[in-house]
Amino acid sequence: MHAELRRLGRRVNRKRVARVMRERDIRGVTRRKRHSLTWPDKKAKPAPDLMGSDFHAGQPGTKLVGGIT
């Protein structure tokens, strides 16, 4: 709030802004830290490469490839 007021050209003291916010029960919004929902299994073997990493198709519609990253 203080930085925004300063950016707009208003000269106010940081402590005054904090006091007025406290008096009027105004609080800043803080973002929560994101937590991963899944953990990779360290012992799991990778999926087999069924395409052989060959993505060239002789004609359209013969190889369909998708991926998730």
PDB file of N, CA and C in Angstrom:
ATOM      1  N   MET A   1       0.839  -1.179   0.000  1.00  0.00           N
ATOM      2  CA  MET A   1       0.000   0.000   0.000  1.00  0.00           C
ATOM      3  C   MET A   1       0.884   1.243   0.000  1.00  0.00           C
ATOM      4  N   HIS A   2       1.910   1.231   0.848  1.00  0.00           N
ATOM      5  CA  HIS A   2       2.817   2.380   0.940  1.00  0.00           C
ATOM      6  C   HIS A   2       3.519   2.618  -0.390  1.00  0.00           C
ATOM      7  N   ALA A   3       4.007   1.555  -1.012  1.00  0.00           N
ATOM      8  CA  ALA A   3       4.699   1.691  -2.294  1.00  0.00           C
ATOM      9  C   ALA A   3       3.767   2.224  -3.373  1.00  0.00           C
ATOM     10  N   GLU A   4       2.524   1.770  -3.364  1.00  0.00           N
ATOM     11  CA  GLU A   4       1.551   2.249  -4.362  1.00  0.00           C
ATOM     12  C   GLU A   4       1.267   3.733  -4.170  1.00  0.00           C
ATOM     13  N   LEU A   5       1.109   4.172  -2.942  1.00  0.00           N
ATOM     14  CA  LEU A   5       0.881   5.592  -2.672  1.00  0.00           C
ATOM     15  C   LEU A   5       2.081   6.433  -3.101  1.00  0.00           C
ATOM     16  N   ARG A   6       3.288   5.925  -2.833  1.00  0.00           N
ATOM     17  CA  ARG A   6       4.490   6.646  -3.254  1.00  0.00           C
ATOM     18  C   ARG A   6       4.563   6.724  -4.771  1.00  0.00           C
ATOM     19  N   ARG A   7       4.176   5.629  -5.434  1.00  0.00           N
ATOM     20  CA  ARG A   7       4.202   5.623  -6.901  1.00  0.00           C
ATOM     21  C   ARG A   7       3.235   6.647  -7.477  1.00  0.00           C
ATOM     22  N   LEU A   8       2.121   6.857  -6.772  1.00  0.00           N
ATOM     23  CA  LEU A   8       1.122   7.826  -7.228  1.00  0.00           C
ATOM     24  C   LEU A   8       1.480   9.267  -6.864  1.00  0.00           C
ATOM     25  N   GLY A   9       2.620   9.441  -6.186  1.00  0.00           N
ATOM     26  CA  GLY A   9       3.084  10.784  -5.863  1.00  0.00           C
ATOM     27  C   GLY A   9       2.657  11.277  -4.493  1.00  0.00           C
ATOM     28  N   ARG A  10       2.021  10.448  -3.694  1.00  0.00           N
ATOM     29  CA  ARG A  10       1.609  10.833  -2.344  1.00  0.00           C
ATOM     30  C   ARG A  10       2.755  10.568  -1.393  1.00  0.00           C
ATOM     31  N   ARG A  11       3.141  11.559  -0.612  1.00  0.00           N
ATOM     32  CA  ARG A  11       4.222  11.394   0.357  1.00  0.00           C
ATOM     33  C   ARG A  11       3.607  11.039   1.700  1.00  0.00           C
ATOM     34  N   VAL A  12       3.731   9.791   2.090  1.00  0.00           N
ATOM     35  CA  VAL A  12       3.203   9.321   3.368  1.00  0.00           C
ATOM     36  C   VAL A  12       4.259   8.468   4.052  1.00  0.00           C
ATOM     37  N   ASN A  13       4.184   8.426   5.364  1.00  0.00           N
ATOM     38  CA  ASN A  13       5.095   7.629   6.148  1.00  0.00           C
ATOM     39  C   ASN A  13       4.609   6.184   6.176  1.00  0.00           C
ATOM     40  N   ARG A  14       5.540   5.254   6.106  1.00  0.00           N
ATOM     41  CA  ARG A  14       5.202   3.827   6.109  1.00  0.00           C
ATOM     42  C   ARG A  14       4.476   3.438   7.392  1.00  0.00           C
ATOM     43  N   LYS A  15       4.910   3.984   8.523  1.00  0.00           N
ATOM     44  CA  LYS A  15       4.277   3.651   9.799  1.00  0.00           C
ATOM     45  C   LYS A  15       2.852   4.195   9.869  1.00  0.00           C
ATOM     46  N   ARG A  16       2.613   5.341   9.266  1.00  0.00           N
ATOM     47  CA  ARG A  16       1.256   5.898   9.247  1.00  0.00           C
ATOM     48  C   ARG A  16       0.326   5.008   8.436  1.00  0.00           C
ATOM     49  N   VAL A  17       0.818   4.537   7.289  1.00  0.00           N
ATOM     50  CA  VAL A  17       0.015   3.644   6.455  1.00  0.00           C
ATOM     51  C   VAL A  17      -0.293   2.369   7.233  1.00  0.00           C
ATOM     52  N   ALA A  18       0.700   1.827   7.936  1.00  0.00           N
ATOM     53  CA  ALA A  18       0.486   0.613   8.716  1.00  0.00           C
ATOM     54  C   ALA A  18      -0.543   0.851   9.821  1.00  0.00           C
ATOM     55  N   ARG A  19      -0.474   1.986  10.489  1.00  0.00           N
ATOM     56  CA  ARG A  19      -1.421   2.300  11.569  1.00  0.00           C
ATOM     57  C   ARG A  19      -2.844   2.445  11.035  1.00  0.00           C
ATOM     58  N   VAL A  20      -3.006   3.168   9.929  1.00  0.00           N
ATOM     59  CA  VAL A  20      -4.342   3.367   9.351  1.00  0.00           C
ATOM     60  C   VAL A  20      -4.910   2.034   8.870  1.00  0.00           C
ATOM     61  N   MET A  21      -4.078   1.203   8.281  1.00  0.00           N
ATOM     62  CA  MET A  21      -4.550  -0.118   7.834  1.00  0.00           C
ATOM     63  C   MET A  21      -4.969  -0.962   9.032  1.00  0.00           C
ATOM     64  N   ARG A  22      -4.200  -0.894  10.092  1.00  0.00           N
ATOM     65  CA  ARG A  22      -4.537  -1.658  11.296  1.00  0.00           C
ATOM     66  C   ARG A  22      -5.847  -1.167  11.910  1.00  0.00           C
ATOM     67  N   GLU A  23      -6.034   0.154  11.954  1.00  0.00           N
ATOM     68  CA  GLU A  23      -7.265   0.727  12.516  1.00  0.00           C
ATOM     69  C   GLU A  23      -8.495   0.317  11.721  1.00  0.00           C
ATOM     70  N   ARG A  24      -8.362   0.231  10.423  1.00  0.00           N
ATOM     71  CA  ARG A  24      -9.512  -0.096   9.555  1.00  0.00           C
ATOM     72  C   ARG A  24      -9.574  -1.571   9.195  1.00  0.00           C
ATOM     73  N   ASP A  25      -8.733  -2.362   9.849  1.00  0.00           N
ATOM     74  CA  ASP A  25      -8.708  -3.813   9.656  1.00  0.00           C
ATOM     75  C   ASP A  25      -8.485  -4.195   8.185  1.00  0.00           C
ATOM     76  N   ILE A  26      -7.513  -3.537   7.565  1.00  0.00           N
ATOM     77  CA  ILE A  26      -7.137  -3.831   6.176  1.00  0.00           C
ATOM     78  C   ILE A  26      -5.871  -4.660   6.220  1.00  0.00           C
ATOM     79  N   ARG A  27      -5.904  -5.804   5.542  1.00  0.00           N
ATOM     80  CA  ARG A  27      -4.739  -6.684   5.526  1.00  0.00           C
ATOM     81  C   ARG A  27      -4.346  -6.991   4.086  1.00  0.00           C
ATOM     82  N   GLY A  28      -3.067  -7.161   3.882  1.00  0.00           N
ATOM     83  CA  GLY A  28      -2.557  -7.545   2.573  1.00  0.00           C
ATOM     84  C   GLY A  28      -2.829  -9.009   2.303  1.00  0.00           C
ATOM     85  N   VAL A  29      -2.898  -9.359   1.052  1.00  0.00           N
ATOM     86  CA  VAL A  29      -3.122 -10.744   0.648  1.00  0.00           C
ATOM     87  C   VAL A  29      -1.762 -11.350   0.333  1.00  0.00           C
ATOM     88  N   THR A  30      -1.483 -12.501   0.929  1.00  0.00           N
ATOM     89  CA  THR A  30      -0.240 -13.198   0.635  1.00  0.00           C
ATOM     90  C   THR A  30      -0.561 -14.474  -0.125  1.00  0.00           C
ATOM     91  N   ARG A  31       0.271 -14.779  -1.102  1.00  0.00           N
ATOM     92  CA  ARG A  31       0.081 -15.985  -1.891  1.00  0.00           C
ATOM     93  C   ARG A  31       0.640 -17.171  -1.124  1.00  0.00           C
ATOM     94  N   ARG A  32      -0.057 -18.286  -1.230  1.00  0.00           N
ATOM     95  CA  ARG A  32       0.420 -19.503  -0.586  1.00  0.00           C
ATOM     96  C   ARG A  32       1.476 -20.162  -1.443  1.00  0.00           C
ATOM     97  N   LYS A  33       2.386 -20.830  -0.784  1.00  0.00           N
ATOM     98  CA  LYS A  33       3.412 -21.570  -1.496  1.00  0.00           C
ATOM     99  C   LYS A  33       2.769 -22.792  -2.156  1.00  0.00           C
ATOM    100  N   ARG A  34       3.113 -23.029  -3.399  1.00  0.00           N
ATOM    101  CA  ARG A  34       2.546 -24.165  -4.123  1.00  0.00           C
ATOM    102  C   ARG A  34       3.235 -25.441  -3.684  1.00  0.00           C
ATOM    103  N   HIS A  35       2.448 -26.463  -3.443  1.00  0.00           N
ATOM    104  CA  HIS A  35       2.976 -27.762  -3.076  1.00  0.00           C
ATOM    105  C   HIS A  35       2.641 -28.758  -4.179  1.00  0.00           C
ATOM    106  N   SER A  36       3.597 -29.576  -4.505  1.00  0.00           N
ATOM    107  CA  SER A  36       3.384 -30.600  -5.515  1.00  0.00           C
ATOM    108  C   SER A  36       2.481 -31.688  -4.948  1.00  0.00           C
ATOM    109  N   LEU A  37       1.566 -32.170  -5.737  1.00  0.00           N
ATOM    110  CA  LEU A  37       0.640 -33.196  -5.283  1.00  0.00           C
ATOM    111  C   LEU A  37       1.152 -34.604  -5.542  1.00  0.00           C
ATOM    112  N   THR A  38       2.073 -34.749  -6.479  1.00  0.00           N
ATOM    113  CA  THR A  38       2.586 -36.072  -6.788  1.00  0.00           C
ATOM    114  C   THR A  38       4.103 -36.071  -6.654  1.00  0.00           C
ATOM    115  N   TRP A  39       4.634 -37.215  -6.277  1.00  0.00           N
ATOM    116  CA  TRP A  39       6.075 -37.395  -6.157  1.00  0.00           C
ATOM    117  C   TRP A  39       6.474 -38.549  -7.062  1.00  0.00           C
ATOM    118  N   PRO A  40       7.523 -38.370  -7.873  1.00  0.00           N
ATOM    119  CA  PRO A  40       7.936 -39.475  -8.748  1.00  0.00           C
ATOM    120  C   PRO A  40       8.560 -40.601  -7.928  1.00  0.00           C
ATOM    121  N   ASP A  41       8.317 -41.817  -8.358  1.00  0.00           N
ATOM    122  CA  ASP A  41       8.895 -42.979  -7.701  1.00  0.00           C
ATOM    123  C   ASP A  41      10.327 -43.133  -8.199  1.00  0.00           C
ATOM    124  N   LYS A  42      11.275 -43.065  -7.294  1.00  0.00           N
ATOM    125  CA  LYS A  42      12.688 -43.134  -7.672  1.00  0.00           C
ATOM    126  C   LYS A  42      13.066 -44.509  -8.209  1.00  0.00           C
ATOM    127  N   LYS A  43      12.374 -45.564  -7.776  1.00  0.00           N
ATOM    128  CA  LYS A  43      12.716 -46.927  -8.176  1.00  0.00           C
ATOM    129  C   LYS A  43      11.989 -47.380  -9.445  1.00  0.00           C
ATOM    130  N   ALA A  44      11.033 -46.611  -9.911  1.00  0.00           N
ATOM    131  CA  ALA A  44      10.248 -47.028 -11.082  1.00  0.00           C
ATOM    132  C   ALA A  44      11.107 -46.974 -12.345  1.00  0.00           C
ATOM    133  N   LYS A  45      10.965 -47.978 -13.184  1.00  0.00           N
ATOM    134  CA  LYS A  45      11.716 -47.982 -14.437  1.00  0.00           C
ATOM    135  C   LYS A  45      10.959 -47.134 -15.456  1.00  0.00           C
ATOM    136  N   PRO A  46      11.681 -46.465 -16.352  1.00  0.00           N
ATOM    137  CA  PRO A  46      11.015 -45.612 -17.347  1.00  0.00           C
ATOM    138  C   PRO A  46      10.170 -46.427 -18.318  1.00  0.00           C
ATOM    139  N   ALA A  47       9.189 -45.772 -18.895  1.00  0.00           N
ATOM    140  CA  ALA A  47       8.308 -46.438 -19.858  1.00  0.00           C
ATOM    141  C   ALA A  47       9.100 -46.810 -21.108  1.00  0.00           C
ATOM    142  N   PRO A  48       8.744 -47.905 -21.749  1.00  0.00           N
ATOM    143  CA  PRO A  48       9.484 -48.321 -22.951  1.00  0.00           C
ATOM    144  C   PRO A  48       9.245 -47.354 -24.104  1.00  0.00           C
ATOM    145  N   ASP A  49      10.267 -47.209 -24.942  1.00  0.00           N
ATOM    146  CA  ASP A  49      10.194 -46.321 -26.102  1.00  0.00           C
ATOM    147  C   ASP A  49       9.624 -47.121 -27.273  1.00  0.00           C
ATOM    148  N   LEU A  50       8.295 -47.168 -27.381  1.00  0.00           N
ATOM    149  CA  LEU A  50       7.635 -47.967 -28.406  1.00  0.00           C
ATOM    150  C   LEU A  50       7.815 -47.390 -29.811  1.00  0.00           C
ATOM    151  N   MET A  51       8.060 -46.095 -29.911  1.00  0.00           N
ATOM    152  CA  MET A  51       8.248 -45.452 -31.215  1.00  0.00           C
ATOM    153  C   MET A  51       9.691 -45.534 -31.685  1.00  0.00           C
ATOM    154  N   GLY A  52      10.592 -45.884 -30.780  1.00  0.00           N
ATOM    155  CA  GLY A  52      12.002 -45.895 -31.161  1.00  0.00           C
ATOM    156  C   GLY A  52      12.504 -44.499 -31.465  1.00  0.00           C
ATOM    157  N   SER A  53      11.839 -43.503 -30.927  1.00  0.00           N
ATOM    158  CA  SER A  53      12.165 -42.087 -31.152  1.00  0.00           C
ATOM    159  C   SER A  53      12.172 -41.733 -32.630  1.00  0.00           C
ATOM    160  N   ASP A  54      11.421 -42.459 -33.434  1.00  0.00           N
ATOM    161  CA  ASP A  54      11.295 -42.175 -34.860  1.00  0.00           C
ATOM    162  C   ASP A  54       9.940 -41.501 -35.075  1.00  0.00           C
ATOM    163  N   PHE A  55       9.962 -40.195 -35.283  1.00  0.00           N
ATOM    164  CA  PHE A  55       8.726 -39.431 -35.410  1.00  0.00           C
ATOM    165  C   PHE A  55       8.395 -39.096 -36.862  1.00  0.00           C
ATOM    166  N   HIS A  56       9.117 -39.659 -37.810  1.00  0.00           N
ATOM    167  CA  HIS A  56       8.848 -39.394 -39.223  1.00  0.00           C
ATOM    168  C   HIS A  56       7.775 -40.362 -39.706  1.00  0.00           C
ATOM    169  N   ALA A  57       6.751 -39.818 -40.338  1.00  0.00           N
ATOM    170  CA  ALA A  57       5.663 -40.648 -40.870  1.00  0.00           C
ATOM    171  C   ALA A  57       5.712 -40.620 -42.392  1.00  0.00           C
ATOM    172  N   GLY A  58       5.518 -41.774 -42.974  1.00  0.00           N
ATOM    173  CA  GLY A  58       5.523 -41.864 -44.436  1.00  0.00           C
ATOM    174  C   GLY A  58       4.333 -41.153 -45.064  1.00  0.00           C
ATOM    175  N   GLN A  59       3.191 -41.221 -44.419  1.00  0.00           N
ATOM    176  CA  GLN A  59       1.984 -40.529 -44.891  1.00  0.00           C
ATOM    177  C   GLN A  59       1.209 -40.027 -43.674  1.00  0.00           C
ATOM    178  N   PRO A  60       0.372 -39.004 -43.866  1.00  0.00           N
ATOM    179  CA  PRO A  60      -0.364 -38.431 -42.740  1.00  0.00           C
ATOM    180  C   PRO A  60      -1.270 -39.436 -42.059  1.00  0.00           C
ATOM    181  N   GLY A  61      -1.338 -39.396 -40.735  1.00  0.00           N
ATOM    182  CA  GLY A  61      -2.244 -40.238 -39.971  1.00  0.00           C
ATOM    183  C   GLY A  61      -1.700 -41.610 -39.626  1.00  0.00           C
ATOM    184  N   THR A  62      -0.446 -41.901 -39.950  1.00  0.00           N
ATOM    185  CA  THR A  62       0.099 -43.217 -39.649  1.00  0.00           C
ATOM    186  C   THR A  62       0.760 -43.266 -38.263  1.00  0.00           C
ATOM    187  N   LYS A  63       1.267 -42.148 -37.792  1.00  0.00           N
ATOM    188  CA  LYS A  63       1.858 -42.090 -36.452  1.00  0.00           C
ATOM    189  C   LYS A  63       1.242 -40.905 -35.707  1.00  0.00           C
ATOM    190  N   LEU A  64       0.664 -41.222 -34.579  1.00  0.00           N
ATOM    191  CA  LEU A  64       0.103 -40.181 -33.745  1.00  0.00           C
ATOM    192  C   LEU A  64       0.870 -40.182 -32.421  1.00  0.00           C
ATOM    193  N   VAL A  65       1.431 -39.036 -32.071  1.00  0.00           N
ATOM    194  CA  VAL A  65       2.284 -38.947 -30.905  1.00  0.00           C
ATOM    195  C   VAL A  65       1.774 -37.843 -29.995  1.00  0.00           C
ATOM    196  N   GLY A  66       1.761 -38.114 -28.703  1.00  0.00           N
ATOM    197  CA  GLY A  66       1.395 -37.101 -27.718  1.00  0.00           C
ATOM    198  C   GLY A  66       2.330 -37.200 -26.530  1.00  0.00           C
ATOM    199  N   GLY A  67       2.400 -36.147 -25.773  1.00  0.00           N
ATOM    200  CA  GLY A  67       3.277 -36.168 -24.611  1.00  0.00           C
ATOM    201  C   GLY A  67       2.718 -35.311 -23.494  1.00  0.00           C
ATOM    202  N   ILE A  68       3.115 -35.650 -22.294  1.00  0.00           N
ATOM    203  CA  ILE A  68       2.738 -34.871 -21.129  1.00  0.00           C
ATOM    204  C   ILE A  68       4.016 -34.420 -20.457  1.00  0.00           C
ATOM    205  N   THR A  69       4.131 -33.137 -20.253  1.00  0.00           N
ATOM    206  CA  THR A  69       5.330 -32.620 -19.574  1.00  0.00           C
ATOM    207  C   THR A  69       4.919 -31.920 -18.312  1.00  0.00           C
TER     208      THR A  69
END
